[in-house]
Each structure stands twice: as structure tokens, then as C-alpha cells.
Amino acid sequence: MNYIPGGRFIPCLKGKRIINAIFAFTLNYNGSGFIGLSMHRLDARGRVCPLPLFYTRKKIDRLKTGEELEVLLNDATAKTTIPEWSRQHGHEVIKVEESGSELRVIIRKR
């Protein structure tokens, strides 16, 4: 399966023919792989608390229930406050991934 950046066509196999299937959603591609069908991204690296929390709250408020937000952080305080705030406000923290000084948090809006 190939991804065409900016497109909605994905080659798929039907019988013995390859056809282009048209989808009503857009696949999000982050340069290293797909990040989901309805996932949004917030890059808050280089920002110090409370800005990452403010931006996260603002972005989550715009999402529909069930949509996911990927937050990229590198502030030590935000590493604890973002997942904690998300849980306190009833959102589901799907993944918290730390690599070096950076943190990746995936939150599903409830």
C-alpha cells in the first residue's frame, strides 16, 4: 500500500486488479510513518510550562469526541502535568513515550 502525500487515493487490490480506492478521511503522515486516521499533532517542544498545557487544552477543546492528539514535549514540568491534566479532565491517555529529553503523549478526547 502506498501513500500519496496530500492525496486521498490509496492503491488496493480487488480481485486481480489494482484500483485506487477513494476514502472520506485523510491519513496523517509524519515523515516516519502514519500517525493515525483521526490523530492531530501538537508540537510543544521548546515551550515551558504553562504554555504546553495551555496549547494542549486549546487543541483538545477543538477536537471531536474520540479523536486523538499527539503532543510532543521536552519541558520537564510538562512531562508530568500534561498526562495528569488529561486524566483529571476525563480524557484517555493512550501512550506516554519518552526518548531522551523528549516526551510523546497520545491523548484521546472523551
PDB file of N, CA and C in Angstrom:
ATOM      1  N   MET A   1       0.850  -1.177   0.000  1.00  0.00           N
ATOM      2  CA  MET A   1       0.000   0.000   0.000  1.00  0.00           C
ATOM      3  C   MET A   1       0.893   1.237   0.000  1.00  0.00           C
ATOM      4  N   ASN A   2       0.622   2.156  -0.868  1.00  0.00           N
ATOM      5  CA  ASN A   2       1.406   3.382  -0.956  1.00  0.00           C
ATOM      6  C   ASN A   2       0.585   4.563  -0.502  1.00  0.00           C
ATOM      7  N   TYR A   3       1.263   5.515   0.070  1.00  0.00           N
ATOM      8  CA  TYR A   3       0.612   6.746   0.494  1.00  0.00           C
ATOM      9  C   TYR A   3       1.023   7.852  -0.452  1.00  0.00           C
ATOM     10  N   ILE A   4       0.073   8.607  -0.913  1.00  0.00           N
ATOM     11  CA  ILE A   4       0.348   9.751  -1.778  1.00  0.00           C
ATOM     12  C   ILE A   4       0.153  11.004  -0.933  1.00  0.00           C
ATOM     13  N   PRO A   5       1.239  11.715  -0.542  1.00  0.00           N
ATOM     14  CA  PRO A   5       1.097  12.892   0.314  1.00  0.00           C
ATOM     15  C   PRO A   5       0.084  13.878  -0.236  1.00  0.00           C
ATOM     16  N   GLY A   6      -0.819  14.296   0.644  1.00  0.00           N
ATOM     17  CA  GLY A   6      -1.824  15.267   0.269  1.00  0.00           C
ATOM     18  C   GLY A   6      -2.996  14.670  -0.495  1.00  0.00           C
ATOM     19  N   GLY A   7      -2.933  13.388  -0.790  1.00  0.00           N
ATOM     20  CA  GLY A   7      -3.992  12.770  -1.571  1.00  0.00           C
ATOM     21  C   GLY A   7      -4.904  11.905  -0.734  1.00  0.00           C
ATOM     22  N   ARG A   8      -5.953  11.453  -1.354  1.00  0.00           N
ATOM     23  CA  ARG A   8      -6.904  10.576  -0.692  1.00  0.00           C
ATOM     24  C   ARG A   8      -7.004   9.250  -1.432  1.00  0.00           C
ATOM     25  N   PHE A   9      -6.097   8.977  -2.356  1.00  0.00           N
ATOM     26  CA  PHE A   9      -6.132   7.747  -3.127  1.00  0.00           C
ATOM     27  C   PHE A   9      -5.113   6.763  -2.587  1.00  0.00           C
ATOM     28  N   ILE A  10      -5.562   5.563  -2.357  1.00  0.00           N
ATOM     29  CA  ILE A  10      -4.675   4.517  -1.875  1.00  0.00           C
ATOM     30  C   ILE A  10      -4.872   3.306  -2.775  1.00  0.00           C
ATOM     31  N   PRO A  11      -3.815   2.853  -3.470  1.00  0.00           N
ATOM     32  CA  PRO A  11      -3.959   1.680  -4.316  1.00  0.00           C
ATOM     33  C   PRO A  11      -4.330   0.463  -3.472  1.00  0.00           C
ATOM     34  N   CYS A  12      -5.290  -0.293  -3.914  1.00  0.00           N
ATOM     35  CA  CYS A  12      -5.656  -1.510  -3.199  1.00  0.00           C
ATOM     36  C   CYS A  12      -5.955  -2.596  -4.215  1.00  0.00           C
ATOM     37  N   LEU A  13      -5.930  -3.824  -3.772  1.00  0.00           N
ATOM     38  CA  LEU A  13      -6.116  -4.968  -4.646  1.00  0.00           C
ATOM     39  C   LEU A  13      -7.573  -5.404  -4.622  1.00  0.00           C
ATOM     40  N   LYS A  14      -8.161  -5.518  -5.783  1.00  0.00           N
ATOM     41  CA  LYS A  14      -9.531  -6.016  -5.878  1.00  0.00           C
ATOM     42  C   LYS A  14      -9.516  -7.086  -6.964  1.00  0.00           C
ATOM     43  N   GLY A  15      -9.709  -8.312  -6.539  1.00  0.00           N
ATOM     44  CA  GLY A  15      -9.583  -9.404  -7.498  1.00  0.00           C
ATOM     45  C   GLY A  15      -8.138  -9.495  -7.925  1.00  0.00           C
ATOM     46  N   LYS A  16      -7.893  -9.384  -9.210  1.00  0.00           N
ATOM     47  CA  LYS A  16      -6.514  -9.417  -9.705  1.00  0.00           C
ATOM     48  C   LYS A  16      -6.065  -8.063 -10.213  1.00  0.00           C
ATOM     49  N   ARG A  17      -6.916  -7.043  -9.994  1.00  0.00           N
ATOM     50  CA  ARG A  17      -6.598  -5.701 -10.475  1.00  0.00           C
ATOM     51  C   ARG A  17      -6.288  -4.777  -9.304  1.00  0.00           C
ATOM     52  N   ILE A  18      -5.394  -3.848  -9.516  1.00  0.00           N
ATOM     53  CA  ILE A  18      -5.131  -2.817  -8.514  1.00  0.00           C
ATOM     54  C   ILE A  18      -5.975  -1.616  -8.887  1.00  0.00           C
ATOM     55  N   ILE A  19      -6.759  -1.145  -7.935  1.00  0.00           N
ATOM     56  CA  ILE A  19      -7.599   0.023  -8.185  1.00  0.00           C
ATOM     57  C   ILE A  19      -7.254   1.099  -7.164  1.00  0.00           C
ATOM     58  N   ASN A  20      -7.650   2.302  -7.443  1.00  0.00           N
ATOM     59  CA  ASN A  20      -7.476   3.389  -6.492  1.00  0.00           C
ATOM     60  C   ASN A  20      -8.771   3.540  -5.712  1.00  0.00           C
ATOM     61  N   ALA A  21      -8.686   3.337  -4.417  1.00  0.00           N
ATOM     62  CA  ALA A  21      -9.864   3.478  -3.561  1.00  0.00           C
ATOM     63  C   ALA A  21      -9.907   4.906  -3.037  1.00  0.00           C
ATOM     64  N   ILE A  22     -11.067   5.500  -3.023  1.00  0.00           N
ATOM     65  CA  ILE A  22     -11.228   6.858  -2.521  1.00  0.00           C
ATOM     66  C   ILE A  22     -11.811   6.772  -1.118  1.00  0.00           C
ATOM     67  N   PHE A  23     -11.151   7.391  -0.173  1.00  0.00           N
ATOM     68  CA  PHE A  23     -11.586   7.371   1.216  1.00  0.00           C
ATOM     69  C   PHE A  23     -12.060   8.753   1.632  1.00  0.00           C
ATOM     70  N   ALA A  24     -12.993   8.779   2.571  1.00  0.00           N
ATOM     71  CA  ALA A  24     -13.548  10.042   3.051  1.00  0.00           C
ATOM     72  C   ALA A  24     -12.690  10.663   4.138  1.00  0.00           C
ATOM     73  N   PHE A  25     -11.671   9.972   4.571  1.00  0.00           N
ATOM     74  CA  PHE A  25     -10.787  10.505   5.605  1.00  0.00           C
ATOM     75  C   PHE A  25      -9.398  10.712   5.029  1.00  0.00           C
ATOM     76  N   THR A  26      -8.589  11.445   5.745  1.00  0.00           N
ATOM     77  CA  THR A  26      -7.219  11.692   5.323  1.00  0.00           C
ATOM     78  C   THR A  26      -6.277  10.993   6.280  1.00  0.00           C
ATOM     79  N   LEU A  27      -5.321  10.273   5.747  1.00  0.00           N
ATOM     80  CA  LEU A  27      -4.311   9.641   6.588  1.00  0.00           C
ATOM     81  C   LEU A  27      -3.253  10.680   6.927  1.00  0.00           C
ATOM     82  N   ASN A  28      -2.882  10.759   8.178  1.00  0.00           N
ATOM     83  CA  ASN A  28      -1.865  11.718   8.604  1.00  0.00           C
ATOM     84  C   ASN A  28      -0.502  11.050   8.535  1.00  0.00           C
ATOM     85  N   TYR A  29       0.434  11.681   7.870  1.00  0.00           N
ATOM     86  CA  TYR A  29       1.777  11.143   7.715  1.00  0.00           C
ATOM     87  C   TYR A  29       2.759  12.113   8.345  1.00  0.00           C
ATOM     88  N   ASN A  30       3.627  11.600   9.238  1.00  0.00           N
ATOM     89  CA  ASN A  30       4.522  12.488   9.962  1.00  0.00           C
ATOM     90  C   ASN A  30       5.968  12.413   9.489  1.00  0.00           C
ATOM     91  N   GLY A  31       6.216  11.808   8.335  1.00  0.00           N
ATOM     92  CA  GLY A  31       7.570  11.732   7.815  1.00  0.00           C
ATOM     93  C   GLY A  31       8.248  10.413   8.130  1.00  0.00           C
ATOM     94  N   SER A  32       7.863   9.776   9.239  1.00  0.00           N
ATOM     95  CA  SER A  32       8.460   8.491   9.593  1.00  0.00           C
ATOM     96  C   SER A  32       7.412   7.395   9.640  1.00  0.00           C
ATOM     97  N   GLY A  33       6.170   7.741   9.419  1.00  0.00           N
ATOM     98  CA  GLY A  33       5.118   6.735   9.417  1.00  0.00           C
ATOM     99  C   GLY A  33       3.765   7.371   9.625  1.00  0.00           C
ATOM    100  N   PHE A  34       2.747   6.548   9.513  1.00  0.00           N
ATOM    101  CA  PHE A  34       1.395   7.039   9.715  1.00  0.00           C
ATOM    102  C   PHE A  34       1.138   7.228  11.198  1.00  0.00           C
ATOM    103  N   ILE A  35       0.483   8.320  11.570  1.00  0.00           N
ATOM    104  CA  ILE A  35       0.183   8.551  12.974  1.00  0.00           C
ATOM    105  C   ILE A  35      -1.291   8.341  13.279  1.00  0.00           C
ATOM    106  N   GLY A  36      -2.059   7.919  12.312  1.00  0.00           N
ATOM    107  CA  GLY A  36      -3.447   7.593  12.603  1.00  0.00           C
ATOM    108  C   GLY A  36      -4.410   8.191  11.604  1.00  0.00           C
ATOM    109  N   LEU A  37      -5.651   7.741  11.713  1.00  0.00           N
ATOM    110  CA  LEU A  37      -6.671   8.205  10.792  1.00  0.00           C
ATOM    111  C   LEU A  37      -7.292   9.500  11.259  1.00  0.00           C
ATOM    112  N   SER A  38      -7.398   9.687  12.577  1.00  0.00           N
ATOM    113  CA  SER A  38      -8.016  10.912  13.088  1.00  0.00           C
ATOM    114  C   SER A  38      -7.159  11.513  14.195  1.00  0.00           C
ATOM    115  N   MET A  39      -5.859  11.430  14.035  1.00  0.00           N
ATOM    116  CA  MET A  39      -4.955  11.947  15.060  1.00  0.00           C
ATOM    117  C   MET A  39      -4.446  13.325  14.647  1.00  0.00           C
ATOM    118  N   HIS A  40      -4.423  14.202  15.616  1.00  0.00           N
ATOM    119  CA  HIS A  40      -3.910  15.552  15.405  1.00  0.00           C
ATOM    120  C   HIS A  40      -2.588  15.656  16.149  1.00  0.00           C
ATOM    121  N   ARG A  41      -1.786  16.631  15.782  1.00  0.00           N
ATOM    122  CA  ARG A  41      -0.460  16.760  16.381  1.00  0.00           C
ATOM    123  C   ARG A  41      -0.258  18.155  16.933  1.00  0.00           C
ATOM    124  N   LEU A  42       0.388  18.209  18.092  1.00  0.00           N
ATOM    125  CA  LEU A  42       0.778  19.472  18.708  1.00  0.00           C
ATOM    126  C   LEU A  42       2.249  19.360  19.080  1.00  0.00           C
ATOM    127  N   ASP A  43       3.066  20.200  18.493  1.00  0.00           N
ATOM    128  CA  ASP A  43       4.497  20.206  18.799  1.00  0.00           C
ATOM    129  C   ASP A  43       4.763  21.343  19.776  1.00  0.00           C
ATOM    130  N   ALA A  44       4.907  20.997  21.056  1.00  0.00           N
ATOM    131  CA  ALA A  44       5.137  21.995  22.098  1.00  0.00           C
ATOM    132  C   ALA A  44       6.586  21.953  22.586  1.00  0.00           C
ATOM    133  N   ARG A  45       7.464  21.370  21.785  1.00  0.00           N
ATOM    134  CA  ARG A  45       8.884  21.327  22.172  1.00  0.00           C
ATOM    135  C   ARG A  45       9.446  22.744  22.176  1.00  0.00           C
ATOM    136  N   GLY A  46      10.271  23.029  23.161  1.00  0.00           N
ATOM    137  CA  GLY A  46      10.863  24.358  23.276  1.00  0.00           C
ATOM    138  C   GLY A  46      10.004  25.332  24.060  1.00  0.00           C
ATOM    139  N   ARG A  47       8.819  24.918  24.453  1.00  0.00           N
ATOM    140  CA  ARG A  47       7.924  25.769  25.260  1.00  0.00           C
ATOM    141  C   ARG A  47       8.011  25.341  26.713  1.00  0.00           C
ATOM    142  N   VAL A  48       7.940  26.296  27.605  1.00  0.00           N
ATOM    143  CA  VAL A  48       7.976  25.997  29.035  1.00  0.00           C
ATOM    144  C   VAL A  48       6.586  26.122  29.638  1.00  0.00           C
ATOM    145  N   CYS A  49       6.335  25.296  30.653  1.00  0.00           N
ATOM    146  CA  CYS A  49       5.035  25.324  31.331  1.00  0.00           C
ATOM    147  C   CYS A  49       4.793  26.726  31.880  1.00  0.00           C
ATOM    148  N   PRO A  50       3.594  27.206  31.760  1.00  0.00           N
ATOM    149  CA  PRO A  50       2.332  26.519  31.466  1.00  0.00           C
ATOM    150  C   PRO A  50       1.930  26.513  29.998  1.00  0.00           C
ATOM    151  N   LEU A  51       2.781  26.987  29.076  1.00  0.00           N
ATOM    152  CA  LEU A  51       2.393  27.071  27.667  1.00  0.00           C
ATOM    153  C   LEU A  51       2.020  25.719  27.045  1.00  0.00           C
ATOM    154  N   PRO A  52       2.798  24.632  27.250  1.00  0.00           N
ATOM    155  CA  PRO A  52       2.381  23.353  26.663  1.00  0.00           C
ATOM    156  C   PRO A  52       0.998  22.899  27.147  1.00  0.00           C
ATOM    157  N   LEU A  53       0.702  23.129  28.416  1.00  0.00           N
ATOM    158  CA  LEU A  53      -0.608  22.766  28.945  1.00  0.00           C
ATOM    159  C   LEU A  53      -1.698  23.637  28.331  1.00  0.00           C
ATOM    160  N   PHE A  54      -1.435  24.916  28.203  1.00  0.00           N
ATOM    161  CA  PHE A  54      -2.396  25.840  27.588  1.00  0.00           C
ATOM    162  C   PHE A  54      -2.695  25.431  26.149  1.00  0.00           C
ATOM    163  N   TYR A  55      -1.646  25.138  25.355  1.00  0.00           N
ATOM    164  CA  TYR A  55      -1.830  24.745  23.960  1.00  0.00           C
ATOM    165  C   TYR A  55      -2.548  23.394  23.843  1.00  0.00           C
ATOM    166  N   THR A  56      -2.224  22.468  24.744  1.00  0.00           N
ATOM    167  CA  THR A  56      -2.877  21.156  24.747  1.00  0.00           C
ATOM    168  C   THR A  56      -4.366  21.304  25.022  1.00  0.00           C
ATOM    169  N   ARG A  57      -4.697  22.089  26.036  1.00  0.00           N
ATOM    170  CA  ARG A  57      -6.111  22.312  26.383  1.00  0.00           C
ATOM    171  C   ARG A  57      -6.868  22.945  25.211  1.00  0.00           C
ATOM    172  N   LYS A  58      -6.241  23.943  24.604  1.00  0.00           N
ATOM    173  CA  LYS A  58      -6.864  24.648  23.486  1.00  0.00           C
ATOM    174  C   LYS A  58      -7.105  23.705  22.301  1.00  0.00           C
ATOM    175  N   LYS A  59      -6.125  22.851  22.017  1.00  0.00           N
ATOM    176  CA  LYS A  59      -6.232  21.918  20.891  1.00  0.00           C
ATOM    177  C   LYS A  59      -7.274  20.831  21.180  1.00  0.00           C
ATOM    178  N   ILE A  60      -7.300  20.305  22.395  1.00  0.00           N
ATOM    179  CA  ILE A  60      -8.267  19.266  22.753  1.00  0.00           C
ATOM    180  C   ILE A  60      -9.690  19.810  22.704  1.00  0.00           C
ATOM    181  N   ASP A  61      -9.877  21.052  23.092  1.00  0.00           N
ATOM    182  CA  ASP A  61     -11.214  21.657  23.047  1.00  0.00           C
ATOM    183  C   ASP A  61     -11.768  21.691  21.619  1.00  0.00           C
ATOM    184  N   ARG A  62     -10.913  21.748  20.623  1.00  0.00           N
ATOM    185  CA  ARG A  62     -11.345  21.808  19.226  1.00  0.00           C
ATOM    186  C   ARG A  62     -11.629  20.431  18.628  1.00  0.00           C
ATOM    187  N   LEU A  63     -11.167  19.363  19.298  1.00  0.00           N
ATOM    188  CA  LEU A  63     -11.350  18.017  18.771  1.00  0.00           C
ATOM    189  C   LEU A  63     -12.746  17.489  19.043  1.00  0.00           C
ATOM    190  N   LYS A  64     -13.146  16.530  18.236  1.00  0.00           N
ATOM    191  CA  LYS A  64     -14.404  15.830  18.462  1.00  0.00           C
ATOM    192  C   LYS A  64     -14.131  14.652  19.397  1.00  0.00           C
ATOM    193  N   THR A  65     -15.162  14.197  20.075  1.00  0.00           N
ATOM    194  CA  THR A  65     -15.030  13.046  20.963  1.00  0.00           C
ATOM    195  C   THR A  65     -14.500  11.849  20.172  1.00  0.00           C
ATOM    196  N   GLY A  66     -13.488  11.188  20.728  1.00  0.00           N
ATOM    197  CA  GLY A  66     -12.894  10.019  20.077  1.00  0.00           C
ATOM    198  C   GLY A  66     -11.657  10.331  19.261  1.00  0.00           C
ATOM    199  N   GLU A  67     -11.444  11.594  18.907  1.00  0.00           N
ATOM    200  CA  GLU A  67     -10.245  11.949  18.156  1.00  0.00           C
ATOM    201  C   GLU A  67      -9.043  11.968  19.085  1.00  0.00           C
ATOM    202  N   GLU A  68      -7.874  11.770  18.503  1.00  0.00           N
ATOM    203  CA  GLU A  68      -6.652  11.682  19.287  1.00  0.00           C
ATOM    204  C   GLU A  68      -5.721  12.852  19.000  1.00  0.00           C
ATOM    205  N   LEU A  69      -4.950  13.194  20.026  1.00  0.00           N
ATOM    206  CA  LEU A  69      -3.977  14.272  19.926  1.00  0.00           C
ATOM    207  C   LEU A  69      -2.617  13.739  20.333  1.00  0.00           C
ATOM    208  N   GLU A  70      -1.631  13.939  19.465  1.00  0.00           N
ATOM    209  CA  GLU A  70      -0.254  13.581  19.777  1.00  0.00           C
ATOM    210  C   GLU A  70       0.448  14.866  20.207  1.00  0.00           C
ATOM    211  N   VAL A  71       0.971  14.883  21.432  1.00  0.00           N
ATOM    212  CA  VAL A  71       1.650  16.063  21.964  1.00  0.00           C
ATOM    213  C   VAL A  71       3.131  15.731  22.109  1.00  0.00           C
ATOM    214  N   LEU A  72       3.983  16.557  21.517  1.00  0.00           N
ATOM    215  CA  LEU A  72       5.433  16.393  21.626  1.00  0.00           C
ATOM    216  C   LEU A  72       5.954  17.451  22.594  1.00  0.00           C
ATOM    217  N   LEU A  73       6.693  17.007  23.601  1.00  0.00           N
ATOM    218  CA  LEU A  73       7.159  17.901  24.677  1.00  0.00           C
ATOM    219  C   LEU A  73       8.628  17.670  24.974  1.00  0.00           C
ATOM    220  N   ASN A  74       9.269  18.677  25.565  1.00  0.00           N
ATOM    221  CA  ASN A  74      10.606  18.478  26.117  1.00  0.00           C
ATOM    222  C   ASN A  74      10.814  19.296  27.395  1.00  0.00           C
ATOM    223  N   ASP A  75       9.734  19.829  27.953  1.00  0.00           N
ATOM    224  CA  ASP A  75       9.799  20.565  29.215  1.00  0.00           C
ATOM    225  C   ASP A  75       9.581  19.587  30.371  1.00  0.00           C
ATOM    226  N   ALA A  76      10.460  19.623  31.368  1.00  0.00           N
ATOM    227  CA  ALA A  76      10.398  18.671  32.485  1.00  0.00           C
ATOM    228  C   ALA A  76       9.079  18.748  33.252  1.00  0.00           C
ATOM    229  N   THR A  77       8.568  19.928  33.477  1.00  0.00           N
ATOM    230  CA  THR A  77       7.307  20.088  34.210  1.00  0.00           C
ATOM    231  C   THR A  77       6.130  19.577  33.391  1.00  0.00           C
ATOM    232  N   ALA A  78       6.122  19.852  32.112  1.00  0.00           N
ATOM    233  CA  ALA A  78       5.020  19.428  31.240  1.00  0.00           C
ATOM    234  C   ALA A  78       4.939  17.913  31.126  1.00  0.00           C
ATOM    235  N   LYS A  79       6.050  17.225  31.331  1.00  0.00           N
ATOM    236  CA  LYS A  79       6.052  15.766  31.247  1.00  0.00           C
ATOM    237  C   LYS A  79       5.120  15.131  32.263  1.00  0.00           C
ATOM    238  N   THR A  80       4.929  15.794  33.389  1.00  0.00           N
ATOM    239  CA  THR A  80       4.000  15.261  34.389  1.00  0.00           C
ATOM    240  C   THR A  80       2.636  15.938  34.314  1.00  0.00           C
ATOM    241  N   THR A  81       2.613  17.228  34.001  1.00  0.00           N
ATOM    242  CA  THR A  81       1.338  17.953  34.042  1.00  0.00           C
ATOM    243  C   THR A  81       0.391  17.594  32.900  1.00  0.00           C
ATOM    244  N   ILE A  82       0.892  17.349  31.701  1.00  0.00           N
ATOM    245  CA  ILE A  82       0.018  17.049  30.557  1.00  0.00           C
ATOM    246  C   ILE A  82      -0.750  15.734  30.764  1.00  0.00           C
ATOM    247  N   PRO A  83      -0.069  14.609  31.054  1.00  0.00           N
ATOM    248  CA  PRO A  83      -0.829  13.370  31.292  1.00  0.00           C
ATOM    249  C   PRO A  83      -1.759  13.478  32.508  1.00  0.00           C
ATOM    250  N   GLU A  84      -1.289  14.131  33.566  1.00  0.00           N
ATOM    251  CA  GLU A  84      -2.100  14.292  34.775  1.00  0.00           C
ATOM    252  C   GLU A  84      -3.353  15.128  34.487  1.00  0.00           C
ATOM    253  N   TRP A  85      -3.181  16.246  33.804  1.00  0.00           N
ATOM    254  CA  TRP A  85      -4.309  17.113  33.465  1.00  0.00           C
ATOM    255  C   TRP A  85      -5.317  16.360  32.588  1.00  0.00           C
ATOM    256  N   SER A  86      -4.811  15.594  31.630  1.00  0.00           N
ATOM    257  CA  SER A  86      -5.676  14.841  30.718  1.00  0.00           C
ATOM    258  C   SER A  86      -6.554  13.860  31.478  1.00  0.00           C
ATOM    259  N   ARG A  87      -5.957  13.131  32.402  1.00  0.00           N
ATOM    260  CA  ARG A  87      -6.724  12.162  33.202  1.00  0.00           C
ATOM    261  C   ARG A  87      -7.741  12.863  34.093  1.00  0.00           C
ATOM    262  N   GLN A  88      -7.344  13.968  34.700  1.00  0.00           N
ATOM    263  CA  GLN A  88      -8.250  14.699  35.589  1.00  0.00           C
ATOM    264  C   GLN A  88      -9.467  15.241  34.845  1.00  0.00           C
ATOM    265  N   HIS A  89      -9.319  15.535  33.568  1.00  0.00           N
ATOM    266  CA  HIS A  89     -10.417  16.076  32.780  1.00  0.00           C
ATOM    267  C   HIS A  89     -11.149  15.007  31.981  1.00  0.00           C
ATOM    268  N   GLY A  90     -10.894  13.745  32.317  1.00  0.00           N
ATOM    269  CA  GLY A  90     -11.653  12.637  31.742  1.00  0.00           C
ATOM    270  C   GLY A  90     -11.195  12.143  30.390  1.00  0.00           C
ATOM    271  N   HIS A  91     -10.061  12.603  29.908  1.00  0.00           N
ATOM    272  CA  HIS A  91      -9.547  12.138  28.628  1.00  0.00           C
ATOM    273  C   HIS A  91      -8.703  10.889  28.865  1.00  0.00           C
ATOM    274  N   GLU A  92      -8.567  10.070  27.840  1.00  0.00           N
ATOM    275  CA  GLU A  92      -7.813   8.830  27.949  1.00  0.00           C
ATOM    276  C   GLU A  92      -6.378   9.054  27.462  1.00  0.00           C
ATOM    277  N   VAL A  93      -5.422   8.762  28.324  1.00  0.00           N
ATOM    278  CA  VAL A  93      -4.015   8.842  27.931  1.00  0.00           C
ATOM    279  C   VAL A  93      -3.659   7.475  27.355  1.00  0.00           C
ATOM    280  N   ILE A  94      -3.492   7.421  26.050  1.00  0.00           N
ATOM    281  CA  ILE A  94      -3.260   6.157  25.363  1.00  0.00           C
ATOM    282  C   ILE A  94      -1.809   5.713  25.473  1.00  0.00           C
ATOM    283  N   LYS A  95      -0.900   6.656  25.309  1.00  0.00           N
ATOM    284  CA  LYS A  95       0.520   6.297  25.299  1.00  0.00           C
ATOM    285  C   LYS A  95       1.362   7.446  25.811  1.00  0.00           C
ATOM    286  N   VAL A  96       2.347   7.106  26.616  1.00  0.00           N
ATOM    287  CA  VAL A  96       3.351   8.067  27.057  1.00  0.00           C
ATOM    288  C   VAL A  96       4.689   7.427  26.713  1.00  0.00           C
ATOM    289  N   GLU A  97       5.420   8.067  25.816  1.00  0.00           N
ATOM    290  CA  GLU A  97       6.663   7.511  25.306  1.00  0.00           C
ATOM    291  C   GLU A  97       7.783   8.525  25.497  1.00  0.00           C
ATOM    292  N   GLU A  98       8.804   8.117  26.210  1.00  0.00           N
ATOM    293  CA  GLU A  98       9.920   9.028  26.480  1.00  0.00           C
ATOM    294  C   GLU A  98      11.160   8.554  25.739  1.00  0.00           C
ATOM    295  N   SER A  99      11.831   9.492  25.065  1.00  0.00           N
ATOM    296  CA  SER A  99      13.092   9.161  24.405  1.00  0.00           C
ATOM    297  C   SER A  99      14.052  10.315  24.643  1.00  0.00           C
ATOM    298  N   GLY A 100      15.009  10.062  25.510  1.00  0.00           N
ATOM    299  CA  GLY A 100      15.944  11.125  25.882  1.00  0.00           C
ATOM    300  C   GLY A 100      15.241  12.192  26.681  1.00  0.00           C
ATOM    301  N   SER A 101      15.349  13.429  26.229  1.00  0.00           N
ATOM    302  CA  SER A 101      14.699  14.535  26.943  1.00  0.00           C
ATOM    303  C   SER A 101      13.318  14.851  26.365  1.00  0.00           C
ATOM    304  N   GLU A 102      12.917  14.116  25.347  1.00  0.00           N
ATOM    305  CA  GLU A 102      11.625  14.385  24.712  1.00  0.00           C
ATOM    306  C   GLU A 102      10.569  13.382  25.137  1.00  0.00           C
ATOM    307  N   LEU A 103       9.334  13.852  25.113  1.00  0.00           N
ATOM    308  CA  LEU A 103       8.197  13.030  25.512  1.00  0.00           C
ATOM    309  C   LEU A 103       7.123  13.121  24.437  1.00  0.00           C
ATOM    310  N   ARG A 104       6.498  12.000  24.181  1.00  0.00           N
ATOM    311  CA  ARG A 104       5.382  11.929  23.229  1.00  0.00           C
ATOM    312  C   ARG A 104       4.185  11.373  23.983  1.00  0.00           C
ATOM    313  N   VAL A 105       3.102  12.151  24.038  1.00  0.00           N
ATOM    314  CA  VAL A 105       1.891  11.754  24.745  1.00  0.00           C
ATOM    315  C   VAL A 105       0.755  11.697  23.731  1.00  0.00           C
ATOM    316  N   ILE A 106       0.012  10.589  23.742  1.00  0.00           N
ATOM    317  CA  ILE A 106      -1.143  10.473  22.870  1.00  0.00           C
ATOM    318  C   ILE A 106      -2.387  10.452  23.756  1.00  0.00           C
ATOM    319  N   ILE A 107      -3.296  11.381  23.489  1.00  0.00           N
ATOM    320  CA  ILE A 107      -4.493  11.572  24.311  1.00  0.00           C
ATOM    321  C   ILE A 107      -5.725  11.398  23.415  1.00  0.00           C
ATOM    322  N   ARG A 108      -6.702  10.641  23.906  1.00  0.00           N
ATOM    323  CA  ARG A 108      -7.990  10.510  23.196  1.00  0.00           C
ATOM    324  C   ARG A 108      -9.026  11.339  23.932  1.00  0.00           C
ATOM    325  N   LYS A 109      -9.692  12.216  23.195  1.00  0.00           N
ATOM    326  CA  LYS A 109     -10.708  13.090  23.806  1.00  0.00           C
ATOM    327  C   LYS A 109     -11.933  12.262  24.161  1.00  0.00           C
ATOM    328  N   ARG A 110     -12.443  12.497  25.353  1.00  0.00           N
ATOM    329  CA  ARG A 110     -13.674  11.838  25.839  1.00  0.00           C
ATOM    330  C   ARG A 110     -14.760  12.853  26.005  1.00  0.00           C
TER     331      ARG A 110
END
